[in-house]
Each structure stands twice: as C-alpha cells, then as structure tokens.
Amino acid sequence: MQSEKAQKLMRLGITPGARVKVIRFAPFHGPVQIEVRGTFLAVRLADAARIQLDLKEYK
C-alpha cells in the first residue's frame, strides 16, 4: 500500500510516466517549483525527494 504522501503526489498528476520539469528551488530548503502536465506546483523539498526519476534528455 502506498503512503498518504505518495497518493497525494499522484493526485497532483505526478504519476508513472509523467514528465516533471524542475523550474526553481526556493532558498533555505524551501519548496521546489515543478511543472507537471502543464501545471506548476510547489512541492516541499522532503516530498520532492520522494519522486523517483528516470532521467532522459528531451529535445
């Protein structure tokens, strides 16, 4: 069973296969701004660390 935090990230559109783009990091360990499926989100740094990425170069 997935944790509540993992389920919340999935409800926000961060699902397997979704393309996630890091826009900026806030100073002092603040939130990370990301873009997922055309939507900009601010995610706590601890929650962003839970996102598993398969890094590929997109053109």
Protein backbone atom coordinates (compact mmCIF):
# COMPACT_ATOMS: atom_id res chain seq x y z
CA MET A 1 0.00 0.00 0.00
CA GLN A 2 1.24 3.47 -0.86
CA SER A 3 1.79 6.12 1.76
CA GLU A 4 -0.55 9.11 2.01
CA LYS A 5 2.19 11.39 0.69
CA ALA A 6 2.74 9.18 -2.35
CA GLN A 7 -1.00 9.13 -3.02
CA LYS A 8 -1.16 12.92 -2.73
CA LEU A 9 1.66 13.34 -5.26
CA MET A 10 -0.19 11.03 -7.63
CA ARG A 11 -3.42 13.04 -7.23
CA LEU A 12 -1.40 16.13 -8.22
CA GLY A 13 -0.52 14.42 -11.51
CA ILE A 14 2.89 13.04 -10.59
CA THR A 15 2.26 9.54 -11.87
CA PRO A 16 4.48 6.95 -13.57
CA GLY A 17 5.47 8.22 -16.99
CA ALA A 18 4.64 11.87 -16.26
CA ARG A 19 7.26 14.35 -17.40
CA VAL A 20 8.42 16.50 -14.48
CA LYS A 21 10.39 19.70 -15.05
CA VAL A 22 12.14 21.49 -12.18
CA ILE A 23 11.57 25.22 -12.51
CA ARG A 24 13.34 26.55 -9.40
CA PHE A 25 14.41 25.81 -5.87
CA ALA A 26 13.41 28.20 -3.08
CA PRO A 27 16.24 29.29 -0.79
CA PHE A 28 16.85 27.85 2.68
CA HIS A 29 15.44 24.38 1.88
CA GLY A 30 12.09 25.83 0.84
CA PRO A 31 9.73 24.27 -1.69
CA VAL A 32 10.66 23.20 -5.20
CA GLN A 33 8.63 24.60 -8.08
CA ILE A 34 7.95 21.96 -10.73
CA GLU A 35 5.86 21.68 -13.86
CA VAL A 36 3.81 18.53 -14.40
CA ARG A 37 1.31 18.09 -17.23
CA GLY A 38 1.23 21.85 -17.88
CA THR A 39 0.55 22.72 -14.23
CA PHE A 40 3.02 24.48 -11.96
CA LEU A 41 3.27 23.09 -8.44
CA ALA A 42 5.25 23.99 -5.33
CA VAL A 43 6.28 20.81 -3.54
CA ARG A 44 8.04 20.59 -0.19
CA LEU A 45 11.64 19.57 -0.57
CA ALA A 46 11.06 16.42 1.52
CA ASP A 47 8.16 15.40 -0.73
CA ALA A 48 10.09 16.20 -3.91
CA ALA A 49 12.81 13.83 -2.72
CA ARG A 50 10.23 11.01 -2.83
CA ILE A 51 9.75 11.41 -6.60
CA GLN A 52 11.69 8.74 -8.48
CA LEU A 53 13.01 9.93 -11.81
CA ASP A 54 14.24 8.22 -14.93
CA LEU A 55 16.50 10.90 -16.36
CA LYS A 56 16.36 11.22 -20.12
CA GLU A 57 17.41 14.01 -22.37
CA TYR A 58 14.46 15.60 -24.18
CA LYS A 59 14.88 17.67 -27.30
